[in-house]
């Protein structure tokens, strides 16, 4: 099993998308990349902690390749938007990948280079060492599946899930 920590806007969307992929065994929403100890959702949303909303995606690379996990990341959000995704604005919504070792760093750099071919050279995604990862509050875990009719989920998460379902249909959970 392998785990990647990525941030690309609201973690509800990332969580929703990765949960539909075969080979993904766990998705944990959380906060990383900041300086405040034990951040809360409210503190992170203030933009003053330096943390990004992120997900830790655990997957079996024998079922779904690491490159696919990373290509999905660059497909499901707009990595050319600096410190925002749509109406979600602030450094907490930045596009970032957090590596645990040199091998992951290289995988992330290769994926970003590949994404440059799709998006052009304006990608703002940072590649940062993973520091402390703080699990988000329980109500944020698997939020989309628990609240599919919630306004944000309908307006923002559903189109992203549908895009991934269409583009990566051969990796969907049956």
N, C-alpha and C. Protein backbone atom coordinates (compact mmCIF):
# COMPACT_ATOMS: atom_id res chain seq x y z
N UNK A 1 0.84 -1.18 0.00
CA UNK A 1 0.00 0.00 0.00
C UNK A 1 0.89 1.24 0.00
N UNK A 2 0.37 2.29 -0.59
CA UNK A 2 1.09 3.55 -0.68
C UNK A 2 0.13 4.67 -0.33
N UNK A 3 0.64 5.75 0.24
CA UNK A 3 -0.20 6.90 0.60
C UNK A 3 0.40 8.16 0.02
N UNK A 4 -0.44 8.94 -0.65
CA UNK A 4 -0.08 10.26 -1.15
C UNK A 4 -0.93 11.29 -0.43
N UNK A 5 -0.34 12.43 -0.09
CA UNK A 5 -1.08 13.54 0.50
C UNK A 5 -1.08 14.67 -0.52
N UNK A 6 -2.30 15.06 -0.92
CA UNK A 6 -2.46 16.10 -1.93
C UNK A 6 -3.52 17.11 -1.48
N UNK A 7 -3.38 18.33 -1.98
CA UNK A 7 -4.33 19.40 -1.68
C UNK A 7 -4.69 20.09 -2.99
N UNK A 8 -5.97 20.27 -3.21
CA UNK A 8 -6.42 20.91 -4.45
C UNK A 8 -7.79 21.52 -4.27
N UNK A 9 -7.90 22.43 -3.32
CA UNK A 9 -9.20 23.03 -3.02
C UNK A 9 -9.83 22.35 -1.82
N UNK A 10 -11.13 22.40 -1.76
CA UNK A 10 -11.87 21.81 -0.64
C UNK A 10 -11.64 20.31 -0.58
N UNK A 11 -11.36 19.80 0.60
CA UNK A 11 -11.08 18.37 0.72
C UNK A 11 -12.30 17.50 0.49
N UNK A 12 -13.51 18.06 0.56
CA UNK A 12 -14.71 17.25 0.29
C UNK A 12 -14.70 16.72 -1.13
N UNK A 13 -14.25 17.55 -2.09
CA UNK A 13 -14.20 17.12 -3.49
C UNK A 13 -13.13 16.06 -3.71
N UNK A 14 -11.95 16.29 -3.17
CA UNK A 14 -10.88 15.30 -3.31
C UNK A 14 -11.31 13.96 -2.73
N UNK A 15 -11.88 14.01 -1.55
CA UNK A 15 -12.36 12.81 -0.86
C UNK A 15 -13.37 12.07 -1.73
N UNK A 16 -14.35 12.81 -2.26
CA UNK A 16 -15.42 12.20 -3.06
C UNK A 16 -14.87 11.51 -4.29
N UNK A 17 -13.94 12.15 -4.96
CA UNK A 17 -13.38 11.60 -6.20
C UNK A 17 -12.55 10.35 -5.92
N UNK A 18 -11.65 10.40 -4.97
CA UNK A 18 -10.78 9.25 -4.74
C UNK A 18 -11.54 8.03 -4.23
N UNK A 19 -12.66 8.24 -3.56
CA UNK A 19 -13.43 7.10 -3.03
C UNK A 19 -14.10 6.27 -4.12
N UNK A 20 -14.23 6.81 -5.34
CA UNK A 20 -14.88 6.04 -6.40
C UNK A 20 -13.89 5.19 -7.19
N UNK A 21 -12.60 5.25 -6.83
CA UNK A 21 -11.58 4.53 -7.60
C UNK A 21 -11.22 3.18 -6.97
N UNK A 22 -11.20 2.17 -7.82
CA UNK A 22 -10.80 0.83 -7.41
C UNK A 22 -9.34 0.87 -6.97
N UNK A 23 -9.02 0.20 -5.90
CA UNK A 23 -7.65 0.16 -5.40
C UNK A 23 -7.38 1.17 -4.31
N UNK A 24 -8.27 2.15 -4.15
CA UNK A 24 -8.12 3.12 -3.06
C UNK A 24 -8.77 2.51 -1.83
N UNK A 25 -7.99 2.32 -0.78
CA UNK A 25 -8.51 1.66 0.42
C UNK A 25 -8.91 2.65 1.50
N UNK A 26 -8.37 3.89 1.45
CA UNK A 26 -8.71 4.85 2.49
C UNK A 26 -8.44 6.27 1.98
N UNK A 27 -9.29 7.17 2.39
CA UNK A 27 -9.11 8.60 2.13
C UNK A 27 -9.39 9.31 3.44
N UNK A 28 -8.42 10.09 3.92
CA UNK A 28 -8.57 10.79 5.18
C UNK A 28 -8.38 12.29 4.93
N UNK A 29 -9.44 13.04 5.16
CA UNK A 29 -9.36 14.49 5.03
C UNK A 29 -8.60 15.06 6.21
N UNK A 30 -7.78 16.09 5.94
CA UNK A 30 -7.01 16.69 7.02
C UNK A 30 -6.37 18.00 6.62
N UNK A 31 -5.42 18.42 7.44
CA UNK A 31 -4.74 19.70 7.27
C UNK A 31 -3.23 19.47 7.36
N UNK A 32 -2.49 20.11 6.46
CA UNK A 32 -1.05 20.02 6.50
C UNK A 32 -0.43 21.25 5.85
N UNK A 33 0.86 21.42 6.05
CA UNK A 33 1.58 22.51 5.41
C UNK A 33 1.55 23.81 6.18
N UNK A 34 1.07 23.77 7.42
CA UNK A 34 0.98 25.00 8.21
C UNK A 34 1.84 24.97 9.45
N UNK A 35 1.64 25.97 10.29
CA UNK A 35 2.49 26.12 11.46
C UNK A 35 1.75 26.01 12.79
N UNK A 36 0.43 26.02 12.77
CA UNK A 36 -0.34 25.96 14.00
C UNK A 36 -0.49 24.52 14.47
N UNK A 37 -0.22 24.27 15.73
CA UNK A 37 -0.40 22.93 16.29
C UNK A 37 -1.89 22.64 16.43
N UNK A 38 -2.29 21.43 16.07
CA UNK A 38 -3.66 20.96 16.22
C UNK A 38 -4.69 21.94 15.66
N UNK A 39 -4.60 22.26 14.37
CA UNK A 39 -5.54 23.21 13.78
C UNK A 39 -6.95 22.65 13.71
N UNK A 40 -7.91 23.53 13.81
CA UNK A 40 -9.32 23.17 13.64
C UNK A 40 -9.78 23.68 12.27
N UNK A 41 -10.91 23.20 11.84
CA UNK A 41 -11.47 23.64 10.56
C UNK A 41 -11.65 25.15 10.54
N UNK A 42 -12.19 25.69 11.61
CA UNK A 42 -12.42 27.14 11.68
C UNK A 42 -11.10 27.91 11.59
N UNK A 43 -10.07 27.43 12.26
CA UNK A 43 -8.77 28.10 12.22
C UNK A 43 -8.16 28.02 10.82
N UNK A 44 -8.25 26.85 10.19
CA UNK A 44 -7.71 26.69 8.84
C UNK A 44 -8.46 27.59 7.86
N UNK A 45 -9.79 27.64 7.98
CA UNK A 45 -10.60 28.47 7.09
C UNK A 45 -10.28 29.96 7.23
N UNK A 46 -9.73 30.36 8.36
CA UNK A 46 -9.38 31.77 8.55
C UNK A 46 -8.21 32.17 7.66
N UNK A 47 -7.45 31.17 7.17
CA UNK A 47 -6.30 31.43 6.34
C UNK A 47 -5.06 31.84 7.11
N UNK A 48 -5.12 31.80 8.43
CA UNK A 48 -3.99 32.27 9.24
C UNK A 48 -3.08 31.17 9.76
N UNK A 49 -3.42 29.90 9.52
CA UNK A 49 -2.60 28.82 10.06
C UNK A 49 -1.54 28.34 9.08
N UNK A 50 -1.70 28.66 7.81
CA UNK A 50 -0.78 28.19 6.78
C UNK A 50 -1.10 26.80 6.25
N UNK A 51 -2.08 26.13 6.86
CA UNK A 51 -2.43 24.78 6.44
C UNK A 51 -3.26 24.79 5.16
N UNK A 52 -3.17 23.70 4.43
CA UNK A 52 -4.04 23.45 3.28
C UNK A 52 -5.01 22.35 3.66
N UNK A 53 -6.23 22.44 3.14
CA UNK A 53 -7.15 21.31 3.23
C UNK A 53 -6.59 20.25 2.29
N UNK A 54 -6.39 19.05 2.79
CA UNK A 54 -5.73 18.01 2.00
C UNK A 54 -6.41 16.66 2.26
N UNK A 55 -6.02 15.68 1.46
CA UNK A 55 -6.43 14.31 1.71
C UNK A 55 -5.21 13.41 1.67
N UNK A 56 -5.23 12.40 2.52
CA UNK A 56 -4.24 11.33 2.48
C UNK A 56 -4.93 10.15 1.80
N UNK A 57 -4.45 9.81 0.62
CA UNK A 57 -5.06 8.76 -0.20
C UNK A 57 -4.18 7.52 -0.12
N UNK A 58 -4.74 6.44 0.43
CA UNK A 58 -4.02 5.18 0.53
C UNK A 58 -4.56 4.25 -0.55
N UNK A 59 -3.64 3.67 -1.32
CA UNK A 59 -4.06 2.86 -2.47
C UNK A 59 -3.08 1.71 -2.68
N UNK A 60 -3.56 0.73 -3.44
CA UNK A 60 -2.75 -0.42 -3.81
C UNK A 60 -2.21 -0.19 -5.21
N UNK A 61 -0.90 0.06 -5.37
CA UNK A 61 -0.35 0.34 -6.69
C UNK A 61 -0.40 -0.85 -7.66
N UNK A 62 -0.72 -2.05 -7.15
CA UNK A 62 -0.91 -3.19 -8.04
C UNK A 62 -2.30 -3.18 -8.67
N UNK A 63 -3.21 -2.37 -8.11
CA UNK A 63 -4.57 -2.26 -8.63
C UNK A 63 -4.74 -0.97 -9.43
N UNK A 64 -4.22 0.12 -8.90
CA UNK A 64 -4.28 1.42 -9.57
C UNK A 64 -2.89 2.05 -9.48
N UNK A 65 -2.28 2.31 -10.61
CA UNK A 65 -0.90 2.84 -10.59
C UNK A 65 -0.82 4.22 -9.92
N UNK A 66 0.32 4.48 -9.31
CA UNK A 66 0.56 5.78 -8.68
C UNK A 66 0.38 6.91 -9.69
N UNK A 67 0.79 6.69 -10.93
CA UNK A 67 0.64 7.74 -11.95
C UNK A 67 -0.83 8.08 -12.18
N UNK A 68 -1.72 7.12 -12.08
CA UNK A 68 -3.15 7.38 -12.25
C UNK A 68 -3.68 8.19 -11.07
N UNK A 69 -3.28 7.83 -9.86
CA UNK A 69 -3.69 8.61 -8.68
C UNK A 69 -3.30 10.07 -8.87
N UNK A 70 -2.10 10.30 -9.37
CA UNK A 70 -1.61 11.67 -9.55
C UNK A 70 -2.25 12.36 -10.75
N UNK A 71 -2.51 11.63 -11.82
CA UNK A 71 -3.19 12.22 -12.97
C UNK A 71 -4.63 12.61 -12.61
N UNK A 72 -5.27 11.79 -11.79
CA UNK A 72 -6.61 12.14 -11.30
C UNK A 72 -6.55 13.46 -10.54
N UNK A 73 -5.54 13.62 -9.71
CA UNK A 73 -5.37 14.87 -8.95
C UNK A 73 -5.32 16.07 -9.89
N UNK A 74 -4.54 15.97 -10.95
CA UNK A 74 -4.42 17.10 -11.87
C UNK A 74 -5.63 17.24 -12.79
N UNK A 75 -6.48 16.22 -12.89
CA UNK A 75 -7.70 16.29 -13.68
C UNK A 75 -8.85 16.90 -12.88
N UNK A 76 -8.90 16.62 -11.59
CA UNK A 76 -10.08 17.00 -10.82
C UNK A 76 -10.07 18.43 -10.31
N UNK A 77 -8.95 19.11 -10.36
CA UNK A 77 -8.94 20.52 -9.94
C UNK A 77 -8.14 21.33 -10.95
N UNK A 78 -8.19 22.63 -10.82
CA UNK A 78 -7.48 23.52 -11.74
C UNK A 78 -6.17 23.96 -11.08
N UNK A 79 -5.06 23.34 -11.44
CA UNK A 79 -3.79 23.64 -10.79
C UNK A 79 -3.16 24.96 -11.25
N UNK A 80 -3.86 25.69 -12.10
CA UNK A 80 -3.34 26.99 -12.56
C UNK A 80 -3.86 28.14 -11.70
N UNK A 81 -4.79 27.85 -10.80
CA UNK A 81 -5.34 28.89 -9.93
C UNK A 81 -4.49 28.98 -8.66
N UNK A 82 -3.90 30.12 -8.42
CA UNK A 82 -3.06 30.30 -7.25
C UNK A 82 -3.92 30.56 -6.01
N UNK A 83 -3.76 29.69 -5.00
CA UNK A 83 -4.43 29.85 -3.70
C UNK A 83 -5.94 29.98 -3.82
N UNK A 84 -6.51 29.14 -4.69
CA UNK A 84 -7.96 29.12 -4.82
C UNK A 84 -8.40 27.95 -5.68
N UNK A 85 -9.65 27.62 -5.55
CA UNK A 85 -10.36 26.75 -6.49
C UNK A 85 -11.76 27.32 -6.59
N UNK A 86 -12.06 27.92 -7.72
CA UNK A 86 -13.38 28.52 -7.90
C UNK A 86 -13.61 29.61 -6.88
N UNK A 87 -14.72 29.49 -6.15
CA UNK A 87 -15.07 30.49 -5.13
C UNK A 87 -14.37 30.26 -3.80
N UNK A 88 -13.66 29.15 -3.65
CA UNK A 88 -12.90 28.89 -2.43
C UNK A 88 -11.55 29.59 -2.57
N UNK A 89 -11.34 30.65 -1.80
CA UNK A 89 -10.16 31.48 -1.96
C UNK A 89 -9.34 31.51 -0.68
N UNK A 90 -8.03 31.39 -0.81
CA UNK A 90 -7.11 31.45 0.32
C UNK A 90 -6.06 30.37 0.20
N UNK A 91 -4.98 30.51 0.94
CA UNK A 91 -3.90 29.54 0.88
C UNK A 91 -4.34 28.15 1.34
N UNK A 92 -5.40 28.09 2.12
CA UNK A 92 -5.91 26.79 2.58
C UNK A 92 -6.49 25.98 1.42
N UNK A 93 -6.73 26.62 0.27
CA UNK A 93 -7.26 25.94 -0.91
C UNK A 93 -6.22 25.80 -2.02
N UNK A 94 -4.95 25.96 -1.67
CA UNK A 94 -3.88 25.90 -2.68
C UNK A 94 -3.74 24.50 -3.26
N UNK A 95 -3.10 24.46 -4.40
CA UNK A 95 -2.77 23.20 -5.05
C UNK A 95 -1.38 22.80 -4.59
N UNK A 96 -1.28 21.64 -3.92
CA UNK A 96 0.00 21.22 -3.36
C UNK A 96 0.06 19.70 -3.26
N UNK A 97 1.28 19.21 -3.31
CA UNK A 97 1.55 17.79 -3.11
C UNK A 97 2.62 17.70 -2.03
N UNK A 98 2.40 16.82 -1.07
CA UNK A 98 3.27 16.74 0.10
C UNK A 98 3.98 15.38 0.11
N UNK A 99 5.29 15.40 -0.09
CA UNK A 99 6.05 14.15 -0.21
C UNK A 99 6.65 13.71 1.12
N UNK A 100 6.84 12.38 1.22
CA UNK A 100 7.43 11.80 2.43
C UNK A 100 8.89 11.39 2.23
N UNK A 101 9.30 11.25 0.96
CA UNK A 101 10.68 10.85 0.67
C UNK A 101 11.04 11.29 -0.75
N UNK A 102 12.30 11.07 -1.12
CA UNK A 102 12.78 11.51 -2.43
C UNK A 102 12.05 10.79 -3.58
N UNK A 103 11.69 9.55 -3.36
CA UNK A 103 10.97 8.80 -4.41
C UNK A 103 9.61 9.45 -4.69
N UNK A 104 8.88 9.79 -3.62
CA UNK A 104 7.59 10.47 -3.82
C UNK A 104 7.78 11.83 -4.46
N UNK A 105 8.79 12.55 -4.03
CA UNK A 105 9.05 13.87 -4.61
C UNK A 105 9.25 13.73 -6.12
N UNK A 106 10.02 12.75 -6.54
CA UNK A 106 10.26 12.53 -7.96
C UNK A 106 8.97 12.17 -8.70
N UNK A 107 8.16 11.29 -8.10
CA UNK A 107 6.87 10.93 -8.71
C UNK A 107 5.99 12.16 -8.88
N UNK A 108 5.97 13.02 -7.86
CA UNK A 108 5.15 14.23 -7.91
C UNK A 108 5.66 15.20 -8.97
N UNK A 109 6.98 15.35 -9.07
CA UNK A 109 7.55 16.25 -10.08
C UNK A 109 7.23 15.73 -11.49
N UNK A 110 7.33 14.43 -11.68
CA UNK A 110 7.03 13.84 -12.97
C UNK A 110 5.55 14.04 -13.33
N UNK A 111 4.67 13.87 -12.35
CA UNK A 111 3.24 14.07 -12.59
C UNK A 111 2.94 15.53 -12.92
N UNK A 112 3.59 16.45 -12.22
CA UNK A 112 3.39 17.88 -12.50
C UNK A 112 3.90 18.21 -13.90
N UNK A 113 5.02 17.64 -14.29
CA UNK A 113 5.54 17.86 -15.66
C UNK A 113 4.57 17.32 -16.70
N UNK A 114 3.99 16.15 -16.42
CA UNK A 114 3.01 15.56 -17.34
C UNK A 114 1.78 16.46 -17.44
N UNK A 115 1.34 16.98 -16.30
CA UNK A 115 0.17 17.87 -16.28
C UNK A 115 0.45 19.18 -17.01
N UNK A 116 1.70 19.62 -17.01
CA UNK A 116 2.06 20.83 -17.76
C UNK A 116 1.69 20.69 -19.23
N UNK A 117 1.77 19.48 -19.75
CA UNK A 117 1.40 19.25 -21.15
C UNK A 117 -0.08 19.51 -21.38
N UNK A 118 -0.93 19.25 -20.37
CA UNK A 118 -2.37 19.47 -20.51
C UNK A 118 -2.75 20.91 -20.21
N UNK A 119 -2.14 21.45 -19.15
CA UNK A 119 -2.54 22.75 -18.64
C UNK A 119 -1.68 23.90 -19.15
N UNK A 120 -0.53 23.61 -19.70
CA UNK A 120 0.40 24.67 -20.07
C UNK A 120 1.34 24.94 -18.91
N UNK A 121 2.16 25.92 -19.06
CA UNK A 121 3.20 26.16 -18.05
C UNK A 121 2.74 26.99 -16.85
N UNK A 122 1.47 27.22 -16.72
CA UNK A 122 0.98 28.08 -15.64
C UNK A 122 0.61 27.32 -14.36
N UNK A 123 1.03 26.08 -14.22
CA UNK A 123 0.70 25.30 -13.02
C UNK A 123 1.33 25.94 -11.79
N UNK A 124 0.52 26.10 -10.75
CA UNK A 124 0.98 26.71 -9.50
C UNK A 124 1.19 25.68 -8.39
N UNK A 125 0.95 24.42 -8.68
CA UNK A 125 1.04 23.35 -7.68
C UNK A 125 2.44 23.31 -7.06
N UNK A 126 2.48 23.39 -5.74
CA UNK A 126 3.75 23.28 -5.04
C UNK A 126 4.00 21.83 -4.65
N UNK A 127 5.26 21.49 -4.51
CA UNK A 127 5.66 20.17 -4.03
C UNK A 127 6.47 20.42 -2.78
N UNK A 128 5.90 20.01 -1.64
CA UNK A 128 6.45 20.36 -0.33
C UNK A 128 6.68 19.10 0.50
N UNK A 129 7.65 19.14 1.41
CA UNK A 129 7.80 18.00 2.32
C UNK A 129 6.58 17.91 3.24
N UNK A 130 6.15 16.69 3.50
CA UNK A 130 5.03 16.48 4.40
C UNK A 130 5.51 16.63 5.84
N UNK A 131 4.93 17.58 6.52
CA UNK A 131 5.19 17.74 7.95
C UNK A 131 4.11 16.99 8.71
N UNK A 132 3.61 17.61 9.75
CA UNK A 132 2.52 17.00 10.52
C UNK A 132 1.24 16.98 9.69
N UNK A 133 0.55 15.86 9.74
CA UNK A 133 -0.75 15.73 9.08
C UNK A 133 -1.80 15.62 10.18
N UNK A 134 -2.72 16.55 10.18
CA UNK A 134 -3.76 16.60 11.22
C UNK A 134 -5.07 16.15 10.61
N UNK A 135 -5.60 15.05 11.10
CA UNK A 135 -6.88 14.55 10.61
C UNK A 135 -7.97 15.58 10.90
N UNK A 136 -8.78 15.84 9.89
CA UNK A 136 -9.89 16.79 10.06
C UNK A 136 -10.95 16.17 10.97
N UNK A 137 -11.82 17.03 11.43
CA UNK A 137 -12.90 16.61 12.30
C UNK A 137 -13.72 15.50 11.64
N UNK A 138 -14.31 14.66 12.47
CA UNK A 138 -15.03 13.47 12.00
C UNK A 138 -16.09 13.81 10.95
N UNK A 139 -16.80 14.91 11.12
CA UNK A 139 -17.89 15.22 10.19
C UNK A 139 -17.39 15.56 8.78
N UNK A 140 -16.09 15.80 8.60
CA UNK A 140 -15.54 16.05 7.27
C UNK A 140 -15.18 14.76 6.53
N UNK A 141 -15.05 13.67 7.25
CA UNK A 141 -14.64 12.40 6.63
C UNK A 141 -15.80 11.84 5.81
N UNK A 142 -15.54 11.51 4.54
CA UNK A 142 -16.54 10.94 3.64
C UNK A 142 -17.78 11.85 3.55
N UNK A 143 -17.55 13.15 3.58
CA UNK A 143 -18.64 14.14 3.63
C UNK A 143 -19.61 14.00 2.46
N UNK A 144 -19.10 13.85 1.26
CA UNK A 144 -19.97 13.79 0.08
C UNK A 144 -20.94 12.61 0.16
N UNK A 145 -20.44 11.44 0.52
CA UNK A 145 -21.33 10.28 0.61
C UNK A 145 -22.36 10.42 1.72
N UNK A 146 -22.02 11.14 2.76
CA UNK A 146 -22.95 11.34 3.88
C UNK A 146 -23.96 12.46 3.60
N UNK A 147 -23.59 13.39 2.71
CA UNK A 147 -24.43 14.58 2.44
C UNK A 147 -24.51 14.87 0.94
N UNK A 148 -24.96 13.91 0.12
CA UNK A 148 -24.92 14.11 -1.33
C UNK A 148 -25.82 15.25 -1.81
N UNK A 149 -26.84 15.59 -1.07
CA UNK A 149 -27.75 16.66 -1.48
C UNK A 149 -27.36 18.03 -0.99
N UNK A 150 -26.28 18.13 -0.23
CA UNK A 150 -25.82 19.42 0.30
C UNK A 150 -25.45 20.31 -0.88
N UNK A 151 -25.74 21.60 -0.79
CA UNK A 151 -25.55 22.54 -1.89
C UNK A 151 -24.16 22.53 -2.50
N UNK A 152 -23.13 22.61 -1.68
CA UNK A 152 -21.75 22.62 -2.18
C UNK A 152 -21.46 21.32 -2.91
N UNK A 153 -21.90 20.22 -2.34
CA UNK A 153 -21.66 18.92 -2.98
C UNK A 153 -22.32 18.87 -4.35
N UNK A 154 -23.56 19.33 -4.44
CA UNK A 154 -24.28 19.30 -5.71
C UNK A 154 -23.62 20.21 -6.75
N UNK A 155 -23.21 21.39 -6.33
CA UNK A 155 -22.68 22.38 -7.27
C UNK A 155 -21.22 22.14 -7.64
N UNK A 156 -20.42 21.66 -6.71
CA UNK A 156 -18.97 21.59 -6.94
C UNK A 156 -18.47 20.14 -7.01
N UNK A 157 -18.85 19.31 -6.05
CA UNK A 157 -18.30 17.94 -6.01
C UNK A 157 -18.87 17.04 -7.10
N UNK A 158 -20.17 17.11 -7.34
CA UNK A 158 -20.78 16.22 -8.33
C UNK A 158 -20.14 16.36 -9.71
N UNK A 159 -19.94 17.59 -10.22
CA UNK A 159 -19.28 17.69 -11.53
C UNK A 159 -17.87 17.09 -11.55
N UNK A 160 -17.15 17.22 -10.45
CA UNK A 160 -15.79 16.65 -10.40
C UNK A 160 -15.84 15.13 -10.38
N UNK A 161 -16.75 14.57 -9.59
CA UNK A 161 -16.90 13.11 -9.55
C UNK A 161 -17.30 12.61 -10.93
N UNK A 162 -18.24 13.29 -11.58
CA UNK A 162 -18.69 12.87 -12.91
C UNK A 162 -17.56 12.95 -13.94
N UNK A 163 -16.73 13.97 -13.84
CA UNK A 163 -15.60 14.12 -14.76
C UNK A 163 -14.63 12.94 -14.61
N UNK A 164 -14.35 12.56 -13.37
CA UNK A 164 -13.44 11.44 -13.13
C UNK A 164 -14.09 10.13 -13.55
N UNK A 165 -15.38 9.98 -13.29
CA UNK A 165 -16.09 8.76 -13.72
C UNK A 165 -15.96 8.58 -15.24
N UNK A 166 -16.08 9.67 -15.97
CA UNK A 166 -15.99 9.62 -17.44
C UNK A 166 -14.55 9.37 -17.90
N UNK A 167 -13.60 10.09 -17.32
CA UNK A 167 -12.21 10.01 -17.78
C UNK A 167 -11.47 8.77 -17.31
N UNK A 168 -11.88 8.21 -16.18
CA UNK A 168 -11.15 7.08 -15.60
C UNK A 168 -12.11 5.91 -15.33
N UNK A 169 -13.03 5.67 -16.24
CA UNK A 169 -14.08 4.67 -16.03
C UNK A 169 -13.52 3.27 -15.75
N UNK A 170 -12.39 2.94 -16.34
CA UNK A 170 -11.81 1.59 -16.15
C UNK A 170 -11.19 1.42 -14.75
N UNK A 171 -11.14 2.48 -13.95
CA UNK A 171 -10.62 2.38 -12.58
C UNK A 171 -11.71 2.55 -11.52
N UNK A 172 -12.98 2.60 -11.95
CA UNK A 172 -14.06 2.81 -11.00
C UNK A 172 -14.38 1.56 -10.18
N UNK A 173 -14.79 1.80 -8.95
CA UNK A 173 -15.29 0.71 -8.10
C UNK A 173 -16.58 0.22 -8.75
N UNK A 174 -16.73 -1.12 -8.83
CA UNK A 174 -17.95 -1.64 -9.46
C UNK A 174 -19.15 -1.48 -8.57
